[in-house]
Amino acid sequence: MDFRTEFKPLTVQPQEIEAKSFEMITEELGPHEFTEEQYPVVQRVIHASADFELGRSLVFHPRAIEAGIEAIRAGRTVVADVQMVQVGISKPRLEKFGGKVNVYISDPDVMEEAKRLNTTRAIISVRKAIREAEGGIFAIGNAPTALLELIRLVKEGEARPGLIVGVPVGFVSAAESKEELLQLDVPFITNIGRKGGSPVAVAAVNALSLMAEKRG
């Protein structure tokens, strides 16, 4: 059996592939109401997910982009809810400004405390993170309980994040956690509905770090 194919890629050059992808996204997305500052985030989210519905569902706090850029340029810590988000975020761009990406969900003390309290590691990891990452960016792509706990702590005055990227994916509490985030008066990037995930959180933070870098 012959498994050969006649298909040839348009290009094998990485930069050309990305540029062509962005052209196709802009053309297919068509008219939209995102601002010039917000659009790079939308574009990278669609690029990461190939999901235009997801891209259109993004919602930005009025200060989200500026707050994210400011946090990165100030060297604030990015807190990831899971390792998958941590791995995907571009470290060199953050390190230029003295920043880093931390994830706490597998720390022994977090695991022990979660077991003791019979709750999720995501919740305990947020409680630990707010002590070590004030003014940082919280990138939550998987754990609705982490987002809900962060919202609670913000409301109670215990947490002061610079930006919340709250895009957890799932069926249990994911959409509801984002609805709660929409009511919060702190900078956020989120989306409507169940869709989301690690690639979405990563894409948003990477878009912000690119914008921070371009400011020189």
N, C-alpha and C. Protein backbone atom coordinates (compact mmCIF):
# COMPACT_ATOMS: atom_id res chain seq x y z
N MET A 1 0.84 -1.20 0.00
CA MET A 1 0.00 0.00 0.00
C MET A 1 0.88 1.25 0.00
N ASP A 2 0.56 2.20 -0.86
CA ASP A 2 1.35 3.42 -1.00
C ASP A 2 0.76 4.52 -0.15
N PHE A 3 1.52 4.94 0.88
CA PHE A 3 1.03 5.98 1.79
C PHE A 3 1.55 7.37 1.41
N ARG A 4 2.21 7.50 0.31
CA ARG A 4 2.74 8.79 -0.10
C ARG A 4 1.59 9.75 -0.42
N THR A 5 1.88 11.03 -0.25
CA THR A 5 0.86 12.05 -0.54
C THR A 5 1.43 13.10 -1.46
N GLU A 6 0.56 13.69 -2.23
CA GLU A 6 0.98 14.75 -3.14
C GLU A 6 0.92 16.12 -2.46
N PHE A 7 0.37 16.17 -1.25
CA PHE A 7 0.24 17.47 -0.57
C PHE A 7 1.61 18.02 -0.20
N LYS A 8 1.79 19.31 -0.47
CA LYS A 8 3.02 20.00 -0.10
C LYS A 8 2.65 21.21 0.76
N PRO A 9 3.35 21.42 1.89
CA PRO A 9 3.05 22.59 2.71
C PRO A 9 3.36 23.88 1.97
N LEU A 10 2.62 24.93 2.30
CA LEU A 10 2.85 26.23 1.67
C LEU A 10 4.26 26.73 1.95
N THR A 11 4.74 26.46 3.15
CA THR A 11 6.09 26.85 3.54
C THR A 11 6.51 26.01 4.75
N VAL A 12 7.79 25.85 4.92
CA VAL A 12 8.30 25.16 6.10
C VAL A 12 9.09 26.12 6.98
N GLN A 13 9.02 27.41 6.67
CA GLN A 13 9.71 28.42 7.47
C GLN A 13 8.80 28.85 8.62
N PRO A 14 9.24 28.67 9.89
CA PRO A 14 8.36 28.95 11.03
C PRO A 14 7.76 30.35 11.03
N GLN A 15 8.56 31.38 10.75
CA GLN A 15 8.04 32.75 10.77
C GLN A 15 7.00 32.96 9.68
N GLU A 16 7.23 32.34 8.53
CA GLU A 16 6.27 32.47 7.43
C GLU A 16 4.97 31.75 7.76
N ILE A 17 5.08 30.60 8.42
CA ILE A 17 3.89 29.85 8.81
C ILE A 17 3.04 30.69 9.77
N GLU A 18 3.69 31.29 10.78
CA GLU A 18 2.96 32.11 11.74
C GLU A 18 2.32 33.32 11.06
N ALA A 19 3.08 34.00 10.20
CA ALA A 19 2.56 35.19 9.52
C ALA A 19 1.36 34.83 8.65
N LYS A 20 1.45 33.73 7.92
CA LYS A 20 0.35 33.29 7.08
C LYS A 20 -0.86 32.91 7.93
N SER A 21 -0.61 32.25 9.05
CA SER A 21 -1.71 31.89 9.95
C SER A 21 -2.44 33.14 10.44
N PHE A 22 -1.68 34.15 10.84
CA PHE A 22 -2.29 35.38 11.34
C PHE A 22 -3.08 36.09 10.25
N GLU A 23 -2.59 36.06 9.03
CA GLU A 23 -3.34 36.63 7.91
C GLU A 23 -4.67 35.92 7.74
N MET A 24 -4.65 34.60 7.79
CA MET A 24 -5.86 33.81 7.62
C MET A 24 -6.84 34.06 8.76
N ILE A 25 -6.31 34.21 9.98
CA ILE A 25 -7.18 34.48 11.14
C ILE A 25 -7.87 35.82 10.97
N THR A 26 -7.12 36.84 10.60
CA THR A 26 -7.70 38.18 10.43
C THR A 26 -8.77 38.17 9.35
N GLU A 27 -8.50 37.47 8.26
CA GLU A 27 -9.47 37.41 7.16
C GLU A 27 -10.73 36.66 7.56
N GLU A 28 -10.55 35.52 8.23
CA GLU A 28 -11.71 34.71 8.59
C GLU A 28 -12.50 35.30 9.75
N LEU A 29 -11.82 35.95 10.68
CA LEU A 29 -12.53 36.55 11.82
C LEU A 29 -13.44 37.66 11.36
N GLY A 30 -12.98 38.45 10.41
CA GLY A 30 -13.81 39.53 9.89
C GLY A 30 -13.99 40.66 10.88
N PRO A 31 -15.06 41.45 10.70
CA PRO A 31 -15.30 42.60 11.58
C PRO A 31 -15.46 42.16 13.04
N HIS A 32 -14.91 42.96 13.94
CA HIS A 32 -15.02 42.66 15.37
C HIS A 32 -14.94 43.96 16.16
N GLU A 33 -15.21 43.87 17.45
CA GLU A 33 -15.23 45.07 18.29
C GLU A 33 -14.04 45.14 19.25
N PHE A 34 -13.07 44.28 19.07
CA PHE A 34 -11.90 44.33 19.93
C PHE A 34 -11.05 45.55 19.59
N THR A 35 -10.41 46.12 20.59
CA THR A 35 -9.55 47.28 20.35
C THR A 35 -8.23 46.84 19.72
N GLU A 36 -7.47 47.81 19.26
CA GLU A 36 -6.18 47.52 18.67
C GLU A 36 -5.24 46.85 19.68
N GLU A 37 -5.37 47.23 20.95
CA GLU A 37 -4.54 46.65 22.00
C GLU A 37 -4.98 45.23 22.34
N GLN A 38 -6.28 44.97 22.29
CA GLN A 38 -6.80 43.66 22.65
C GLN A 38 -6.60 42.62 21.55
N TYR A 39 -6.59 43.06 20.31
CA TYR A 39 -6.61 42.13 19.19
C TYR A 39 -5.44 41.15 19.16
N PRO A 40 -4.19 41.56 19.50
CA PRO A 40 -3.10 40.57 19.50
C PRO A 40 -3.36 39.39 20.42
N VAL A 41 -4.04 39.62 21.53
CA VAL A 41 -4.39 38.52 22.43
C VAL A 41 -5.41 37.61 21.76
N VAL A 42 -6.44 38.20 21.18
CA VAL A 42 -7.47 37.43 20.48
C VAL A 42 -6.84 36.59 19.37
N GLN A 43 -5.98 37.23 18.61
CA GLN A 43 -5.32 36.56 17.48
C GLN A 43 -4.51 35.35 17.94
N ARG A 44 -3.76 35.51 19.01
CA ARG A 44 -2.93 34.40 19.49
C ARG A 44 -3.77 33.29 20.13
N VAL A 45 -4.87 33.66 20.76
CA VAL A 45 -5.77 32.64 21.31
C VAL A 45 -6.37 31.80 20.18
N ILE A 46 -6.80 32.46 19.13
CA ILE A 46 -7.34 31.71 17.97
C ILE A 46 -6.25 30.87 17.33
N HIS A 47 -5.06 31.42 17.23
CA HIS A 47 -3.93 30.69 16.65
C HIS A 47 -3.62 29.44 17.45
N ALA A 48 -3.75 29.52 18.78
CA ALA A 48 -3.44 28.39 19.64
C ALA A 48 -4.54 27.33 19.66
N SER A 49 -5.78 27.76 19.37
CA SER A 49 -6.92 26.86 19.52
C SER A 49 -7.62 26.51 18.21
N ALA A 50 -7.36 27.30 17.16
CA ALA A 50 -8.09 27.17 15.90
C ALA A 50 -9.60 27.27 16.12
N ASP A 51 -9.99 28.07 17.10
CA ASP A 51 -11.39 28.17 17.50
C ASP A 51 -11.83 29.63 17.47
N PHE A 52 -12.53 30.00 16.40
CA PHE A 52 -12.96 31.39 16.26
C PHE A 52 -14.07 31.74 17.25
N GLU A 53 -14.91 30.77 17.56
CA GLU A 53 -15.96 31.02 18.56
C GLU A 53 -15.34 31.38 19.90
N LEU A 54 -14.30 30.66 20.27
CA LEU A 54 -13.59 30.95 21.51
C LEU A 54 -12.98 32.34 21.46
N GLY A 55 -12.34 32.66 20.35
CA GLY A 55 -11.74 33.98 20.21
C GLY A 55 -12.75 35.10 20.35
N ARG A 56 -13.90 34.93 19.72
CA ARG A 56 -14.95 35.97 19.78
C ARG A 56 -15.54 36.09 21.19
N SER A 57 -15.41 35.03 21.99
CA SER A 57 -16.02 35.04 23.33
C SER A 57 -15.13 35.71 24.38
N LEU A 58 -13.93 36.14 24.00
CA LEU A 58 -13.03 36.77 24.96
C LEU A 58 -13.59 38.10 25.46
N VAL A 59 -13.37 38.36 26.73
CA VAL A 59 -13.83 39.60 27.37
C VAL A 59 -12.65 40.21 28.11
N PHE A 60 -12.48 41.52 27.95
CA PHE A 60 -11.35 42.22 28.55
C PHE A 60 -11.84 43.32 29.49
N HIS A 61 -11.28 43.34 30.70
CA HIS A 61 -11.45 44.51 31.56
C HIS A 61 -10.79 45.69 30.84
N PRO A 62 -11.33 46.91 30.99
CA PRO A 62 -10.77 48.06 30.27
C PRO A 62 -9.27 48.27 30.48
N ARG A 63 -8.75 47.87 31.64
CA ARG A 63 -7.33 48.08 31.93
C ARG A 63 -6.50 46.80 31.76
N ALA A 64 -7.08 45.76 31.22
CA ALA A 64 -6.41 44.46 31.20
C ALA A 64 -5.07 44.50 30.48
N ILE A 65 -5.05 45.03 29.28
CA ILE A 65 -3.82 44.99 28.48
C ILE A 65 -2.73 45.82 29.13
N GLU A 66 -3.07 47.03 29.52
CA GLU A 66 -2.07 47.91 30.14
C GLU A 66 -1.57 47.32 31.46
N ALA A 67 -2.49 46.75 32.24
CA ALA A 67 -2.09 46.15 33.52
C ALA A 67 -1.16 44.96 33.31
N GLY A 68 -1.45 44.16 32.30
CA GLY A 68 -0.60 43.01 32.02
C GLY A 68 0.79 43.42 31.58
N ILE A 69 0.86 44.40 30.70
CA ILE A 69 2.15 44.90 30.22
C ILE A 69 2.95 45.51 31.37
N GLU A 70 2.27 46.29 32.20
CA GLU A 70 2.93 46.91 33.35
C GLU A 70 3.49 45.86 34.31
N ALA A 71 2.71 44.81 34.57
CA ALA A 71 3.16 43.76 35.48
C ALA A 71 4.39 43.05 34.93
N ILE A 72 4.39 42.77 33.64
CA ILE A 72 5.53 42.08 33.03
C ILE A 72 6.77 42.97 33.05
N ARG A 73 6.60 44.23 32.68
CA ARG A 73 7.76 45.14 32.64
C ARG A 73 8.28 45.46 34.03
N ALA A 74 7.44 45.28 35.04
CA ALA A 74 7.89 45.49 36.42
C ALA A 74 8.52 44.23 37.01
N GLY A 75 8.58 43.16 36.23
CA GLY A 75 9.19 41.92 36.70
C GLY A 75 8.33 41.14 37.67
N ARG A 76 7.01 41.37 37.62
CA ARG A 76 6.13 40.63 38.53
C ARG A 76 6.06 39.16 38.15
N THR A 77 5.81 38.33 39.13
CA THR A 77 5.70 36.89 38.91
C THR A 77 4.41 36.54 38.17
N VAL A 78 4.50 35.60 37.26
CA VAL A 78 3.32 35.00 36.65
C VAL A 78 3.03 33.71 37.40
N VAL A 79 1.83 33.57 37.89
CA VAL A 79 1.42 32.36 38.61
C VAL A 79 0.56 31.50 37.69
N ALA A 80 1.01 30.29 37.42
CA ALA A 80 0.26 29.34 36.60
C ALA A 80 -0.50 28.37 37.50
N ASP A 81 -1.70 28.01 37.10
CA ASP A 81 -2.46 27.08 37.94
C ASP A 81 -1.95 25.65 37.82
N VAL A 82 -1.38 25.30 36.66
CA VAL A 82 -0.86 23.95 36.45
C VAL A 82 0.45 24.03 35.67
N GLN A 83 1.20 22.93 35.68
CA GLN A 83 2.49 22.90 35.01
C GLN A 83 2.38 23.12 33.51
N MET A 84 1.28 22.67 32.92
CA MET A 84 1.12 22.82 31.47
C MET A 84 1.14 24.30 31.06
N VAL A 85 0.54 25.14 31.89
CA VAL A 85 0.57 26.57 31.62
C VAL A 85 1.98 27.12 31.83
N GLN A 86 2.62 26.70 32.90
CA GLN A 86 3.97 27.15 33.19
C GLN A 86 4.92 26.82 32.03
N VAL A 87 4.84 25.61 31.52
CA VAL A 87 5.74 25.16 30.45
C VAL A 87 5.54 25.98 29.18
N GLY A 88 4.31 26.35 28.88
CA GLY A 88 4.02 27.01 27.61
C GLY A 88 4.39 28.48 27.56
N ILE A 89 4.48 29.13 28.69
CA ILE A 89 4.76 30.56 28.72
C ILE A 89 6.24 30.82 28.39
N SER A 90 6.48 31.81 27.56
CA SER A 90 7.85 32.15 27.15
C SER A 90 8.63 32.74 28.32
N LYS A 91 9.60 31.99 28.82
CA LYS A 91 10.40 32.46 29.97
C LYS A 91 11.38 33.57 29.59
N PRO A 92 12.08 33.47 28.44
CA PRO A 92 13.08 34.50 28.13
C PRO A 92 12.52 35.91 28.08
N ARG A 93 11.30 36.07 27.57
CA ARG A 93 10.73 37.42 27.50
C ARG A 93 10.42 37.96 28.89
N LEU A 94 9.96 37.10 29.79
CA LEU A 94 9.70 37.54 31.16
C LEU A 94 11.01 37.84 31.88
N GLU A 95 12.01 37.00 31.65
CA GLU A 95 13.29 37.15 32.35
C GLU A 95 14.00 38.44 31.97
N LYS A 96 13.72 38.97 30.79
CA LYS A 96 14.30 40.25 30.39
C LYS A 96 13.97 41.35 31.39
N PHE A 97 12.80 41.21 32.01
CA PHE A 97 12.34 42.23 32.96
C PHE A 97 12.45 41.75 34.41
N GLY A 98 13.10 40.61 34.61
CA GLY A 98 13.26 40.08 35.96
C GLY A 98 12.11 39.21 36.43
N GLY A 99 11.24 38.84 35.53
CA GLY A 99 10.07 38.04 35.90
C GLY A 99 10.30 36.54 35.78
N LYS A 100 9.35 35.77 36.29
CA LYS A 100 9.43 34.32 36.25
C LYS A 100 8.01 33.75 36.30
N VAL A 101 7.92 32.44 36.09
CA VAL A 101 6.63 31.75 36.16
C VAL A 101 6.70 30.73 37.28
N ASN A 102 5.79 30.83 38.23
CA ASN A 102 5.72 29.87 39.34
C ASN A 102 4.43 29.06 39.26
N VAL A 103 4.51 27.83 39.70
CA VAL A 103 3.33 26.98 39.84
C VAL A 103 3.48 26.25 41.18
N TYR A 104 2.41 26.20 41.93
CA TYR A 104 2.49 25.70 43.31
C TYR A 104 1.69 24.41 43.52
N ILE A 105 0.95 23.98 42.53
CA ILE A 105 -0.05 22.94 42.75
C ILE A 105 0.55 21.59 43.16
N SER A 106 1.81 21.35 42.83
CA SER A 106 2.44 20.08 43.21
C SER A 106 3.45 20.23 44.34
N ASP A 107 3.48 21.41 44.97
CA ASP A 107 4.37 21.59 46.12
C ASP A 107 3.93 20.67 47.26
N PRO A 108 4.86 20.05 47.94
CA PRO A 108 4.50 19.12 49.02
C PRO A 108 3.62 19.75 50.09
N ASP A 109 3.90 21.01 50.46
CA ASP A 109 3.09 21.64 51.50
C ASP A 109 1.67 21.90 51.02
N VAL A 110 1.52 22.20 49.73
CA VAL A 110 0.19 22.39 49.16
C VAL A 110 -0.58 21.09 49.14
N MET A 111 0.06 20.02 48.72
CA MET A 111 -0.59 18.72 48.67
C MET A 111 -1.00 18.25 50.07
N GLU A 112 -0.13 18.48 51.03
CA GLU A 112 -0.43 18.07 52.41
C GLU A 112 -1.60 18.87 52.99
N GLU A 113 -1.60 20.17 52.75
CA GLU A 113 -2.67 21.01 53.29
C GLU A 113 -4.01 20.70 52.62
N ALA A 114 -3.99 20.45 51.32
CA ALA A 114 -5.22 20.11 50.61
C ALA A 114 -5.82 18.80 51.15
N LYS A 115 -4.95 17.86 51.43
CA LYS A 115 -5.42 16.58 51.99
C LYS A 115 -5.98 16.79 53.38
N ARG A 116 -5.30 17.61 54.17
CA ARG A 116 -5.74 17.85 55.55
C ARG A 116 -7.11 18.52 55.57
N LEU A 117 -7.33 19.47 54.65
CA LEU A 117 -8.58 20.23 54.63
C LEU A 117 -9.64 19.59 53.73
N ASN A 118 -9.27 18.49 53.05
CA ASN A 118 -10.19 17.81 52.14
C ASN A 118 -10.72 18.77 51.08
N THR A 119 -9.79 19.46 50.43
CA THR A 119 -10.16 20.41 49.38
C THR A 119 -9.20 20.24 48.21
N THR A 120 -9.34 21.05 47.18
CA THR A 120 -8.50 20.88 46.00
C THR A 120 -7.13 21.52 46.20
N ARG A 121 -6.14 20.93 45.57
CA ARG A 121 -4.81 21.51 45.58
C ARG A 121 -4.81 22.88 44.92
N ALA A 122 -5.69 23.07 43.94
CA ALA A 122 -5.77 24.36 43.24
C ALA A 122 -6.12 25.48 44.21
N ILE A 123 -7.04 25.21 45.11
CA ILE A 123 -7.44 26.22 46.10
C ILE A 123 -6.27 26.56 47.02
N ILE A 124 -5.60 25.56 47.52
CA ILE A 124 -4.49 25.79 48.44
C ILE A 124 -3.33 26.48 47.72
N SER A 125 -3.10 26.12 46.47
CA SER A 125 -2.01 26.74 45.73
C SER A 125 -2.24 28.23 45.52
N VAL A 126 -3.50 28.63 45.35
CA VAL A 126 -3.80 30.06 45.23
C VAL A 126 -3.53 30.77 46.54
N ARG A 127 -3.89 30.15 47.64
CA ARG A 127 -3.63 30.76 48.95
C ARG A 127 -2.14 30.97 49.17
N LYS A 128 -1.34 30.03 48.70
CA LYS A 128 0.12 30.17 48.82
C LYS A 128 0.63 31.25 47.86
N ALA A 129 0.09 31.25 46.65
CA ALA A 129 0.58 32.17 45.62
C ALA A 129 0.38 33.63 45.99
N ILE A 130 -0.75 33.95 46.62
CA ILE A 130 -1.01 35.37 46.91
C ILE A 130 -0.01 35.93 47.92
N ARG A 131 0.63 35.05 48.68
CA ARG A 131 1.64 35.51 49.64
C ARG A 131 2.96 35.80 48.96
N GLU A 132 3.16 35.22 47.78
CA GLU A 132 4.46 35.31 47.11
C GLU A 132 4.42 36.07 45.79
N ALA A 133 3.27 36.44 45.32
CA ALA A 133 3.17 37.02 43.98
C ALA A 133 2.22 38.21 43.92
N GLU A 134 2.29 39.08 44.91
CA GLU A 134 1.43 40.26 44.91
C GLU A 134 1.72 41.11 43.68
N GLY A 135 0.67 41.55 43.02
CA GLY A 135 0.81 42.36 41.83
C GLY A 135 1.14 41.58 40.58
N GLY A 136 1.19 40.26 40.68
CA GLY A 136 1.55 39.43 39.54
C GLY A 136 0.36 39.09 38.66
N ILE A 137 0.65 38.30 37.64
CA ILE A 137 -0.38 37.83 36.71
C ILE A 137 -0.74 36.40 37.08
N PHE A 138 -2.02 36.15 37.33
CA PHE A 138 -2.50 34.80 37.61
C PHE A 138 -3.09 34.23 36.32
N ALA A 139 -2.45 33.18 35.80
CA ALA A 139 -2.87 32.56 34.55
C ALA A 139 -3.53 31.22 34.85
N ILE A 140 -4.86 31.20 34.80
CA ILE A 140 -5.63 30.02 35.19
C ILE A 140 -6.34 29.46 33.96
N GLY A 141 -5.90 28.27 33.55
CA GLY A 141 -6.46 27.66 32.34
C GLY A 141 -7.20 26.36 32.58
N ASN A 142 -7.08 25.82 33.78
CA ASN A 142 -7.64 24.49 34.01
C ASN A 142 -8.54 24.37 35.23
N ALA A 143 -8.27 25.13 36.28
CA ALA A 143 -8.91 24.89 37.57
C ALA A 143 -9.91 25.98 37.94
N PRO A 144 -11.20 25.74 37.72
CA PRO A 144 -12.21 26.72 38.14
C PRO A 144 -12.15 27.00 39.64
N THR A 145 -11.80 25.99 40.44
CA THR A 145 -11.73 26.22 41.89
C THR A 145 -10.63 27.22 42.24
N ALA A 146 -9.55 27.21 41.45
CA ALA A 146 -8.48 28.19 41.66
C ALA A 146 -8.99 29.60 41.36
N LEU A 147 -9.72 29.74 40.28
CA LEU A 147 -10.24 31.05 39.92
C LEU A 147 -11.25 31.54 40.95
N LEU A 148 -12.14 30.68 41.38
CA LEU A 148 -13.14 31.08 42.38
C LEU A 148 -12.49 31.46 43.70
N GLU A 149 -11.44 30.73 44.09
CA GLU A 149 -10.73 31.07 45.33
C GLU A 149 -10.02 32.41 45.20
N LEU A 150 -9.41 32.65 44.05
CA LEU A 150 -8.75 33.93 43.84
C LEU A 150 -9.74 35.08 43.88
N ILE A 151 -10.91 34.89 43.28
CA ILE A 151 -11.95 35.91 43.32
C ILE A 151 -12.38 36.18 44.76
N ARG A 152 -12.55 35.12 45.53
CA ARG A 152 -12.94 35.28 46.94
C ARG A 152 -11.90 36.09 47.71
N LEU A 153 -10.64 35.76 47.50
CA LEU A 153 -9.57 36.44 48.20
C LEU A 153 -9.44 37.91 47.79
N VAL A 154 -9.71 38.19 46.53
CA VAL A 154 -9.71 39.59 46.07
C VAL A 154 -10.83 40.36 46.75
N LYS A 155 -12.01 39.75 46.78
CA LYS A 155 -13.16 40.42 47.40
C LYS A 155 -12.92 40.69 48.88
N GLU A 156 -12.19 39.82 49.53
CA GLU A 156 -11.93 39.97 50.97
C GLU A 156 -10.70 40.83 51.24
N GLY A 157 -10.07 41.33 50.18
CA GLY A 157 -8.93 42.20 50.35
C GLY A 157 -7.63 41.50 50.66
N GLU A 158 -7.59 40.19 50.50
CA GLU A 158 -6.39 39.43 50.82
C GLU A 158 -5.47 39.24 49.62
N ALA A 159 -6.00 39.40 48.41
CA ALA A 159 -5.21 39.22 47.19
C ALA A 159 -5.27 40.49 46.35
N ARG A 160 -4.11 40.85 45.78
CA ARG A 160 -4.03 42.04 44.94
C ARG A 160 -3.27 41.70 43.67
N PRO A 161 -3.88 40.92 42.78
CA PRO A 161 -3.21 40.58 41.53
C PRO A 161 -3.14 41.77 40.58
N GLY A 162 -2.09 41.78 39.76
CA GLY A 162 -2.01 42.83 38.74
C GLY A 162 -2.97 42.56 37.60
N LEU A 163 -3.12 41.28 37.26
CA LEU A 163 -4.02 40.86 36.17
C LEU A 163 -4.42 39.42 36.42
N ILE A 164 -5.68 39.12 36.15
CA ILE A 164 -6.16 37.73 36.19
C ILE A 164 -6.49 37.29 34.77
N VAL A 165 -5.80 36.27 34.30
CA VAL A 165 -6.17 35.61 33.05
C VAL A 165 -6.95 34.37 33.46
N GLY A 166 -8.27 34.48 33.47
CA GLY A 166 -9.12 33.41 33.98
C GLY A 166 -9.89 32.74 32.87
N VAL A 167 -9.33 31.64 32.34
CA VAL A 167 -9.96 30.95 31.21
C VAL A 167 -10.01 29.43 31.43
N PRO A 168 -10.47 28.99 32.61
CA PRO A 168 -10.51 27.54 32.85
C PRO A 168 -11.49 26.83 31.91
N VAL A 169 -11.13 25.64 31.50
CA VAL A 169 -11.97 24.84 30.62
C VAL A 169 -12.68 23.78 31.46
N GLY A 170 -13.89 23.40 31.05
CA GLY A 170 -14.54 22.30 31.75
C GLY A 170 -16.04 22.44 31.85
N PHE A 171 -16.63 21.47 32.55
CA PHE A 171 -18.08 21.39 32.67
C PHE A 171 -18.56 21.76 34.07
N VAL A 172 -17.73 21.56 35.08
CA VAL A 172 -18.13 21.82 36.46
C VAL A 172 -17.52 23.14 36.92
N SER A 173 -18.35 24.17 36.99
CA SER A 173 -17.99 25.48 37.53
C SER A 173 -17.10 26.33 36.62
N ALA A 174 -16.74 25.84 35.44
CA ALA A 174 -15.85 26.63 34.58
C ALA A 174 -16.53 27.90 34.09
N ALA A 175 -17.68 27.75 33.44
CA ALA A 175 -18.41 28.93 32.93
C ALA A 175 -18.83 29.84 34.08
N GLU A 176 -19.26 29.23 35.19
CA GLU A 176 -19.74 30.02 36.33
C GLU A 176 -18.61 30.84 36.96
N SER A 177 -17.41 30.26 37.03
CA SER A 177 -16.28 30.99 37.61
C SER A 177 -15.94 32.22 36.78
N LYS A 178 -16.09 32.11 35.47
CA LYS A 178 -15.81 33.25 34.59
C LYS A 178 -16.88 34.33 34.75
N GLU A 179 -18.12 33.91 34.94
CA GLU A 179 -19.18 34.88 35.19
C GLU A 179 -18.90 35.66 36.47
N GLU A 180 -18.38 34.98 37.49
CA GLU A 180 -18.01 35.66 38.72
C GLU A 180 -16.86 36.64 38.48
N LEU A 181 -15.91 36.25 37.66
CA LEU A 181 -14.78 37.12 37.36
C LEU A 181 -15.23 38.40 36.67
N LEU A 182 -16.23 38.30 35.84
CA LEU A 182 -16.75 39.48 35.13
C LEU A 182 -17.27 40.55 36.07
N GLN A 183 -17.63 40.16 37.28
CA GLN A 183 -18.17 41.10 38.25
C GLN A 183 -17.08 41.76 39.09
N LEU A 184 -15.85 41.32 38.89
CA LEU A 184 -14.75 41.78 39.73
C LEU A 184 -14.14 43.06 39.17
N ASP A 185 -13.85 44.01 40.05
CA ASP A 185 -13.27 45.28 39.61
C ASP A 185 -11.75 45.25 39.72
N VAL A 186 -11.15 44.27 39.06
CA VAL A 186 -9.70 44.21 38.88
C VAL A 186 -9.45 43.85 37.43
N PRO A 187 -8.28 44.19 36.88
CA PRO A 187 -8.01 43.84 35.49
C PRO A 187 -8.09 42.33 35.25
N PHE A 188 -8.80 41.94 34.19
CA PHE A 188 -8.93 40.52 33.87
C PHE A 188 -9.05 40.33 32.37
N ILE A 189 -8.70 39.12 31.95
CA ILE A 189 -9.01 38.61 30.61
C ILE A 189 -9.71 37.28 30.82
N THR A 190 -10.88 37.13 30.25
CA THR A 190 -11.63 35.89 30.40
C THR A 190 -12.41 35.62 29.13
N ASN A 191 -13.27 34.62 29.17
CA ASN A 191 -14.15 34.34 28.05
C ASN A 191 -15.47 33.78 28.57
N ILE A 192 -16.44 33.78 27.72
CA ILE A 192 -17.77 33.30 28.08
C ILE A 192 -17.89 31.82 27.73
N GLY A 193 -18.39 31.03 28.67
CA GLY A 193 -18.68 29.64 28.37
C GLY A 193 -17.67 28.65 28.91
N ARG A 194 -17.82 27.40 28.47
CA ARG A 194 -17.02 26.29 29.00
C ARG A 194 -15.64 26.18 28.38
N LYS A 195 -15.46 26.75 27.21
CA LYS A 195 -14.18 26.60 26.52
C LYS A 195 -13.08 27.38 27.22
N GLY A 196 -11.85 27.01 26.92
CA GLY A 196 -10.70 27.65 27.52
C GLY A 196 -9.55 26.67 27.53
N GLY A 197 -8.76 26.67 28.61
CA GLY A 197 -7.70 25.68 28.74
C GLY A 197 -6.32 26.28 28.78
N SER A 198 -5.33 25.41 29.00
CA SER A 198 -3.93 25.83 29.11
C SER A 198 -3.44 26.60 27.89
N PRO A 199 -3.71 26.13 26.66
CA PRO A 199 -3.21 26.87 25.51
C PRO A 199 -3.76 28.30 25.43
N VAL A 200 -4.98 28.49 25.92
CA VAL A 200 -5.58 29.81 25.89
C VAL A 200 -4.89 30.74 26.90
N ALA A 201 -4.68 30.25 28.11
CA ALA A 201 -3.98 31.04 29.12
C ALA A 201 -2.57 31.37 28.67
N VAL A 202 -1.89 30.39 28.11
CA VAL A 202 -0.52 30.58 27.61
C VAL A 202 -0.50 31.62 26.49
N ALA A 203 -1.42 31.51 25.55
CA ALA A 203 -1.45 32.43 24.42
C ALA A 203 -1.66 33.87 24.89
N ALA A 204 -2.52 34.06 25.87
CA ALA A 204 -2.79 35.41 26.37
C ALA A 204 -1.55 36.01 27.02
N VAL A 205 -0.88 35.24 27.87
CA VAL A 205 0.31 35.76 28.55
C VAL A 205 1.44 36.01 27.55
N ASN A 206 1.61 35.11 26.60
CA ASN A 206 2.66 35.30 25.61
C ASN A 206 2.39 36.52 24.73
N ALA A 207 1.14 36.78 24.41
CA ALA A 207 0.81 37.98 23.64
C ALA A 207 1.17 39.23 24.43
N LEU A 208 0.88 39.22 25.71
CA LEU A 208 1.19 40.36 26.57
C LEU A 208 2.70 40.56 26.68
N SER A 209 3.46 39.48 26.81
CA SER A 209 4.91 39.63 26.94
C SER A 209 5.53 40.14 25.64
N LEU A 210 4.96 39.77 24.50
CA LEU A 210 5.43 40.31 23.23
C LEU A 210 5.18 41.81 23.15
N MET A 211 4.01 42.23 23.60
CA MET A 211 3.71 43.65 23.61
C MET A 211 4.61 44.42 24.58
N ALA A 212 4.90 43.79 25.72
CA ALA A 212 5.80 44.41 26.69
C ALA A 212 7.20 44.57 26.10
N GLU A 213 7.64 43.55 25.38
CA GLU A 213 8.96 43.57 24.77
C GLU A 213 9.06 44.65 23.70
N LYS A 214 8.00 44.82 22.93
CA LYS A 214 8.02 45.80 21.84
C LYS A 214 8.10 47.23 22.33
N ARG A 215 7.76 47.46 23.58
CA ARG A 215 7.87 48.81 24.12
C ARG A 215 9.31 49.21 24.40
N GLY A 216 10.22 48.25 24.23
CA GLY A 216 11.64 48.58 24.35
C GLY A 216 12.15 48.59 25.77
